[in-house]
Amino acid sequence: MLGQILSALLPAIITIMLGYFAAWHHDFSQDEVPTLNRMVMTYALPLALFVGVFSAGREQLLSSLPLVCFLLLAIVGTYALVLLAAVFIFRHPIGLSALRALMASGPSTAFVGVPVLGSLYGDTASIPIAVGGMIIVIFLLPTTLVLLELDAARSEQALAGTDGAATAPPHRVDIPGTIMKSLKRPIVWLPSAGVVMVLLGVDLPQVVDQSLSLLGHSSSGVALFASGIILAGYNVKFSVPVLSLVFIKNVLQPALVCLGMLSLGYKDPILGQAVVTTALPAVSVVVMLAVQFRTAIPEAASALLISTFGSLLTISLFIWIIG
């Protein structure tokens, strides 16, 4: 089983290492990461997610309601708990808290889920892959973007206040404007449009699917490659926050899903699909967001690397537990 999981995760690990080598060999620099990031976040990833939501189909999504509910509760619940703890208990800035919540809750269904779940469950793997991706797109990404935008706006206004006159009136963050700015990003509205189309029963023509997938398929490789470049510029951090977030993502989240579903009498395939989906490593888009908003870049890159390597053991352990 470990060999099967290794073969599924090895492409992601090798791609990260190739990015690391490219930066070490001075073929790419840290200054080029924002360009790669902009390509992934503006074009490749939105197209990949838009096409991906059509893979399950309306009937399969509606018939998999229990799986949808468990994944929704697990992913959104973990995000909300980590966010609230970071803001109200540890008193972290709202942007950093949102980024850490995404690290601890969002499984990499779009990047790693396809080879891992596909090798385990075949054609039926499209359902948890699509559902996990839609949950991240509909709930986690918009929330994270809005909170990062708000934090960035407050920081800019605070900096402007220190440079202005002492009698300058206090600034207020334009919350509705910030929300609209986030919702206008292709990473949010394009996959969301795909979800609406699927629920309305709209089919994506094959020629459109193939045309959009050509660039969309590059999203995972470029995102992981850019993560390797980022790692080359920073030392991997084994700090308490990083290890805590990786533990929540790789161990605690899938363990709670497994215990909850077993207590309710669920068995394979829905049990395995839900547990393995939540046991996937952290979504690599967290590094892209960290670069874009210049927030906790070393922490995000370290968490991604440790989570990806650690998932080799944790996914295998959960598969052994559920038989």
Protein backbone atom coordinates (compact mmCIF):
# COMPACT_ATOMS: atom_id res chain seq x y z
CA MET A 1 0.00 0.00 0.00
CA LEU A 2 2.84 2.40 0.81
CA GLY A 3 4.22 1.80 -2.68
CA GLN A 4 0.85 2.68 -4.23
CA ILE A 5 0.61 5.91 -2.24
CA LEU A 6 4.25 6.71 -3.03
CA SER A 7 3.64 6.32 -6.76
CA ALA A 8 0.67 8.68 -6.49
CA LEU A 9 2.48 11.35 -4.44
CA LEU A 10 5.92 11.03 -6.03
CA PRO A 11 5.13 13.31 -9.00
CA ALA A 12 4.17 16.14 -6.62
CA ILE A 13 7.32 15.64 -4.52
CA ILE A 14 9.60 15.49 -7.56
CA THR A 15 8.03 18.65 -9.02
CA ILE A 16 8.68 20.55 -5.79
CA MET A 17 12.25 19.29 -5.75
CA LEU A 18 12.75 20.30 -9.40
CA GLY A 19 11.66 23.83 -8.50
CA TYR A 20 14.10 23.80 -5.59
CA PHE A 21 16.91 22.63 -7.88
CA ALA A 22 16.03 25.23 -10.53
CA ALA A 23 16.36 28.00 -7.97
CA TRP A 24 19.54 26.50 -6.47
CA HIS A 25 21.01 26.29 -9.99
CA HIS A 26 20.04 29.95 -10.60
CA ASP A 27 17.74 29.06 -13.49
CA PHE A 28 14.88 30.78 -11.65
CA SER A 29 14.94 33.46 -8.98
CA GLN A 30 12.55 34.51 -6.26
CA ASP A 31 11.67 37.57 -8.36
CA GLU A 32 10.10 35.29 -10.98
CA VAL A 33 7.74 33.56 -8.54
CA PRO A 34 5.09 36.34 -8.69
CA THR A 35 4.88 35.88 -12.47
CA LEU A 36 4.33 32.13 -12.12
CA ASN A 37 1.90 32.84 -9.31
CA ARG A 38 -0.11 35.27 -11.44
CA MET A 39 -0.36 32.76 -14.28
CA VAL A 40 -1.61 30.01 -11.94
CA MET A 41 -4.05 32.13 -9.92
CA THR A 42 -5.47 34.15 -12.83
CA TYR A 43 -5.65 31.59 -15.64
CA ALA A 44 -4.47 28.00 -15.12
CA LEU A 45 -6.05 27.11 -11.76
CA PRO A 46 -9.43 28.81 -12.38
CA LEU A 47 -9.72 26.95 -15.68
CA ALA A 48 -8.69 23.65 -14.06
CA LEU A 49 -11.30 24.03 -11.32
CA PHE A 50 -13.98 25.16 -13.79
CA VAL A 51 -13.47 22.07 -15.95
CA GLY A 52 -13.03 19.81 -12.91
CA VAL A 53 -16.46 20.53 -11.41
CA PHE A 54 -18.08 19.02 -14.51
CA SER A 55 -16.33 15.66 -14.00
CA ALA A 56 -18.78 14.34 -11.41
CA GLY A 57 -22.00 15.50 -13.02
CA ARG A 58 -25.25 16.67 -11.46
CA GLU A 59 -26.72 13.22 -10.74
CA GLN A 60 -23.60 11.89 -9.06
CA LEU A 61 -23.26 15.01 -6.93
CA LEU A 62 -26.87 14.83 -5.77
CA SER A 63 -26.65 11.08 -5.09
CA SER A 64 -23.51 11.56 -2.98
CA LEU A 65 -25.18 13.85 -0.46
CA PRO A 66 -23.78 12.04 2.65
CA LEU A 67 -20.24 12.34 1.31
CA VAL A 68 -20.84 16.00 0.50
CA CYS A 69 -22.12 16.66 4.03
CA PHE A 70 -19.18 14.95 5.74
CA LEU A 71 -16.58 16.69 3.60
CA LEU A 72 -18.34 20.03 4.03
CA LEU A 73 -18.47 19.63 7.80
CA ALA A 74 -14.88 18.44 8.04
CA ILE A 75 -13.26 21.03 5.76
CA VAL A 76 -15.32 24.11 6.62
CA GLY A 77 -15.51 23.12 10.30
CA THR A 78 -11.73 22.78 10.57
CA TYR A 79 -11.24 26.09 8.79
CA ALA A 80 -13.66 27.90 11.10
CA LEU A 81 -12.20 26.44 14.30
CA VAL A 82 -8.59 27.22 13.36
CA LEU A 83 -9.56 30.72 12.23
CA LEU A 84 -11.44 31.50 15.44
CA ALA A 85 -8.67 30.07 17.62
CA ALA A 86 -6.00 32.07 15.78
CA VAL A 87 -7.94 35.35 16.01
CA PHE A 88 -9.51 35.20 19.46
CA ILE A 89 -7.14 32.96 21.43
CA PHE A 90 -3.71 33.61 19.90
CA ARG A 91 -4.55 37.16 18.74
CA HIS A 92 -3.00 36.78 15.29
CA PRO A 93 -3.78 39.24 12.46
CA ILE A 94 -6.89 38.30 10.51
CA GLY A 95 -4.99 37.73 7.24
CA LEU A 96 -2.42 35.43 8.82
CA SER A 97 -5.18 33.60 10.67
CA ALA A 98 -7.10 33.00 7.45
CA LEU A 99 -3.98 31.70 5.71
CA ARG A 100 -3.23 29.32 8.59
CA ALA A 101 -6.84 28.13 8.61
CA LEU A 102 -6.53 27.30 4.91
CA MET A 103 -3.27 25.43 5.57
CA ALA A 104 -4.93 23.29 8.23
CA SER A 105 -8.19 22.52 6.44
CA GLY A 106 -7.92 22.54 2.63
CA PRO A 107 -6.97 19.17 1.04
CA SER A 108 -5.09 19.26 -2.25
CA THR A 109 -7.86 17.61 -4.26
CA ALA A 110 -7.06 19.51 -7.46
CA PHE A 111 -3.33 18.67 -7.38
CA VAL A 112 -2.75 15.46 -5.43
CA GLY A 113 -6.29 14.06 -5.19
CA VAL A 114 -6.46 12.95 -8.81
CA PRO A 115 -3.55 10.45 -8.67
CA VAL A 116 -4.17 9.29 -5.08
CA LEU A 117 -7.95 8.85 -5.12
CA GLY A 118 -7.91 7.75 -8.75
CA SER A 119 -5.52 4.88 -8.01
CA LEU A 120 -7.64 3.77 -5.04
CA TYR A 121 -11.24 4.21 -6.24
CA GLY A 122 -11.10 4.42 -10.03
CA ASP A 123 -13.91 6.27 -11.79
CA THR A 124 -15.83 6.95 -8.57
CA ALA A 125 -12.91 9.08 -7.35
CA SER A 126 -14.21 11.97 -9.44
CA ILE A 127 -16.94 12.59 -6.83
CA PRO A 128 -14.76 13.34 -3.75
CA ILE A 129 -12.27 15.17 -5.98
CA ALA A 130 -14.99 17.41 -7.41
CA VAL A 131 -16.76 17.88 -4.07
CA GLY A 132 -13.54 18.73 -2.21
CA GLY A 133 -12.56 21.20 -4.91
CA MET A 134 -15.98 22.86 -4.90
CA ILE A 135 -15.97 23.25 -1.11
CA ILE A 136 -12.59 24.99 -1.28
CA VAL A 137 -13.70 27.20 -4.16
CA ILE A 138 -17.11 28.16 -2.78
CA PHE A 139 -16.27 28.56 0.92
CA LEU A 140 -12.55 28.60 1.76
CA LEU A 141 -10.97 30.61 -1.06
CA PRO A 142 -13.47 33.52 -1.05
CA THR A 143 -13.31 33.78 2.75
CA THR A 144 -9.50 33.66 2.77
CA LEU A 145 -9.21 36.21 -0.02
CA VAL A 146 -11.63 38.62 1.67
CA LEU A 147 -9.80 38.39 5.02
CA LEU A 148 -6.39 38.79 3.35
CA GLU A 149 -7.67 41.80 1.40
CA LEU A 150 -9.10 43.35 4.58
CA ASP A 151 -5.85 42.81 6.45
CA ALA A 152 -3.83 44.28 3.57
CA ALA A 153 -6.15 47.29 3.35
CA ARG A 154 -5.87 47.95 7.09
CA SER A 155 -2.09 47.65 6.96
CA GLU A 156 -1.87 50.10 4.05
CA GLN A 157 -4.13 52.60 5.78
CA ALA A 158 -2.22 52.27 9.05
CA LEU A 159 1.04 52.92 7.17
CA ALA A 160 -0.51 55.91 5.42
CA GLY A 161 -1.70 57.22 8.78
CA THR A 162 1.82 57.17 10.21
CA ASP A 163 3.09 59.20 7.25
CA GLY A 164 0.25 61.75 7.34
CA ALA A 165 -0.64 64.56 9.66
CA ALA A 166 -1.51 63.83 13.24
CA THR A 167 -4.88 65.48 12.77
CA ALA A 168 -5.85 63.28 9.82
CA PRO A 169 -9.29 61.68 10.24
CA PRO A 170 -9.36 57.94 10.96
CA HIS A 171 -9.66 55.67 7.94
CA ARG A 172 -12.27 52.98 7.53
CA VAL A 173 -11.76 49.84 5.54
CA ASP A 174 -14.19 49.54 2.63
CA ILE A 175 -15.51 46.08 3.52
CA PRO A 176 -18.12 45.82 0.70
CA GLY A 177 -15.56 47.02 -1.83
CA THR A 178 -12.99 44.54 -0.55
CA ILE A 179 -15.49 41.70 -0.77
CA MET A 180 -16.42 42.64 -4.34
CA LYS A 181 -12.74 42.87 -5.26
CA SER A 182 -12.20 39.32 -4.00
CA LEU A 183 -15.31 37.95 -5.73
CA LYS A 184 -14.16 39.42 -9.05
CA ARG A 185 -11.02 37.28 -9.03
CA PRO A 186 -11.17 34.45 -11.63
CA ILE A 187 -10.15 31.91 -8.95
CA VAL A 188 -13.52 32.60 -7.26
CA TRP A 189 -16.12 33.43 -9.89
CA LEU A 190 -15.11 31.01 -12.67
CA PRO A 191 -15.29 27.75 -10.65
CA SER A 192 -18.43 29.06 -8.91
CA ALA A 193 -20.01 29.55 -12.32
CA GLY A 194 -19.11 25.96 -13.12
CA VAL A 195 -20.86 24.73 -9.97
CA VAL A 196 -24.03 26.62 -10.91
CA MET A 197 -23.92 25.21 -14.43
CA VAL A 198 -23.52 21.64 -13.14
CA LEU A 199 -26.45 22.00 -10.75
CA LEU A 200 -28.57 23.41 -13.61
CA GLY A 201 -27.72 20.36 -15.71
CA VAL A 202 -25.57 22.18 -18.28
CA ASP A 203 -23.06 19.92 -20.07
CA LEU A 204 -19.64 21.17 -21.11
CA PRO A 205 -18.96 20.35 -24.80
CA GLN A 206 -15.97 18.11 -25.29
CA VAL A 207 -14.17 20.60 -27.52
CA VAL A 208 -14.53 23.28 -24.81
CA ASP A 209 -13.35 20.83 -22.14
CA GLN A 210 -10.25 19.93 -24.13
CA SER A 211 -9.50 23.55 -25.02
CA LEU A 212 -9.70 24.81 -21.44
CA SER A 213 -7.95 21.76 -19.98
CA LEU A 214 -4.80 22.37 -22.02
CA LEU A 215 -3.80 25.31 -19.84
CA GLY A 216 -5.70 24.08 -16.79
CA HIS A 217 -3.62 20.91 -16.56
CA SER A 218 -0.49 23.02 -16.07
CA SER A 219 -1.79 24.55 -12.84
CA SER A 220 -0.70 21.80 -10.45
CA GLY A 221 2.78 21.44 -11.97
CA VAL A 222 3.49 25.17 -12.08
CA ALA A 223 2.15 25.74 -8.54
CA LEU A 224 4.28 22.95 -7.08
CA PHE A 225 7.32 24.05 -9.12
CA ALA A 226 6.92 27.60 -7.81
CA SER A 227 6.65 26.21 -4.28
CA GLY A 228 10.04 24.56 -4.76
CA ILE A 229 11.54 27.87 -5.90
CA ILE A 230 10.14 29.56 -2.80
CA LEU A 231 11.56 26.84 -0.55
CA ALA A 232 15.01 27.42 -2.03
CA GLY A 233 14.90 30.99 -0.74
CA TYR A 234 13.98 30.03 2.81
CA ASN A 235 15.01 27.43 5.33
CA VAL A 236 12.34 24.83 6.06
CA LYS A 237 10.76 25.84 9.37
CA PHE A 238 9.92 23.15 11.92
CA SER A 239 8.27 25.69 14.17
CA VAL A 240 5.36 25.05 16.53
CA PRO A 241 2.81 26.78 14.25
CA VAL A 242 3.98 24.85 11.16
CA LEU A 243 3.99 21.46 12.88
CA SER A 244 0.65 22.18 14.55
CA LEU A 245 -0.99 23.06 11.24
CA VAL A 246 0.46 19.96 9.55
CA PHE A 247 -0.74 17.77 12.43
CA ILE A 248 -4.26 19.18 12.16
CA LYS A 249 -4.33 18.72 8.38
CA ASN A 250 -2.66 15.31 8.06
CA VAL A 251 -3.78 13.57 11.26
CA LEU A 252 -6.48 15.27 13.33
CA GLN A 253 -8.93 16.19 10.56
CA PRO A 254 -9.07 12.74 8.89
CA ALA A 255 -9.04 11.00 12.29
CA LEU A 256 -12.15 12.88 13.41
CA VAL A 257 -13.87 12.12 10.08
CA CYS A 258 -12.97 8.45 10.44
CA LEU A 259 -14.25 8.20 14.02
CA GLY A 260 -17.41 10.11 13.24
CA MET A 261 -18.34 8.02 10.21
CA LEU A 262 -17.51 4.72 11.92
CA SER A 263 -19.67 5.67 14.88
CA LEU A 264 -22.56 6.31 12.48
CA GLY A 265 -22.07 2.95 10.76
CA TYR A 266 -20.68 4.12 7.43
CA LYS A 267 -18.46 1.74 5.46
CA ASP A 268 -16.56 1.73 2.18
CA PRO A 269 -16.57 3.24 -0.35
CA ILE A 270 -17.96 6.43 1.20
CA LEU A 271 -15.91 5.95 4.40
CA GLY A 272 -12.63 5.54 2.55
CA GLN A 273 -13.34 8.34 0.10
CA ALA A 274 -14.11 10.83 2.87
CA VAL A 275 -11.15 9.84 5.06
CA VAL A 276 -8.57 9.74 2.26
CA THR A 277 -9.82 13.05 0.84
CA THR A 278 -9.36 14.83 4.17
CA ALA A 279 -6.00 13.09 4.67
CA LEU A 280 -4.58 14.61 1.47
CA PRO A 281 -1.75 17.13 2.05
CA ALA A 282 -2.37 20.86 2.31
CA VAL A 283 -3.56 22.60 -0.83
CA SER A 284 -0.63 24.23 -2.64
CA VAL A 285 -2.64 27.37 -3.45
CA VAL A 286 -1.84 28.49 0.10
CA VAL A 287 1.72 29.23 -1.02
CA MET A 288 0.42 31.21 -4.00
CA LEU A 289 -1.72 33.33 -1.68
CA ALA A 290 1.17 33.81 0.75
CA VAL A 291 3.32 35.16 -2.08
CA GLN A 292 0.54 37.33 -3.46
CA PHE A 293 -0.18 39.01 -0.11
CA ARG A 294 3.37 38.72 1.27
CA THR A 295 2.15 36.93 4.36
CA ALA A 296 3.95 34.04 6.12
CA ILE A 297 5.71 32.86 2.94
CA PRO A 298 8.35 30.64 4.67
CA GLU A 299 5.69 29.18 6.95
CA ALA A 300 3.34 28.35 4.06
CA ALA A 301 6.09 26.79 1.96
CA SER A 302 7.38 24.74 4.89
CA ALA A 303 3.89 23.54 5.81
CA LEU A 304 3.26 22.46 2.22
CA LEU A 305 6.52 20.50 1.99
CA ILE A 306 6.16 18.79 5.39
CA SER A 307 2.48 18.02 4.78
CA THR A 308 3.22 16.49 1.36
CA PHE A 309 6.06 14.29 2.60
CA GLY A 310 4.20 13.39 5.79
CA SER A 311 1.10 12.32 3.88
CA LEU A 312 3.03 9.35 2.52
CA LEU A 313 2.78 7.79 5.98
CA THR A 314 -0.49 9.28 7.21
CA ILE A 315 -2.55 8.32 4.15
CA SER A 316 -1.13 4.81 4.28
CA LEU A 317 -1.98 4.63 7.99
CA PHE A 318 -5.60 5.67 7.46
CA ILE A 319 -6.03 3.26 4.55
CA TRP A 320 -4.73 0.46 6.80
CA ILE A 321 -7.10 1.50 9.62
CA ILE A 322 -10.22 1.49 7.44
CA GLY A 323 -9.12 -1.71 5.71
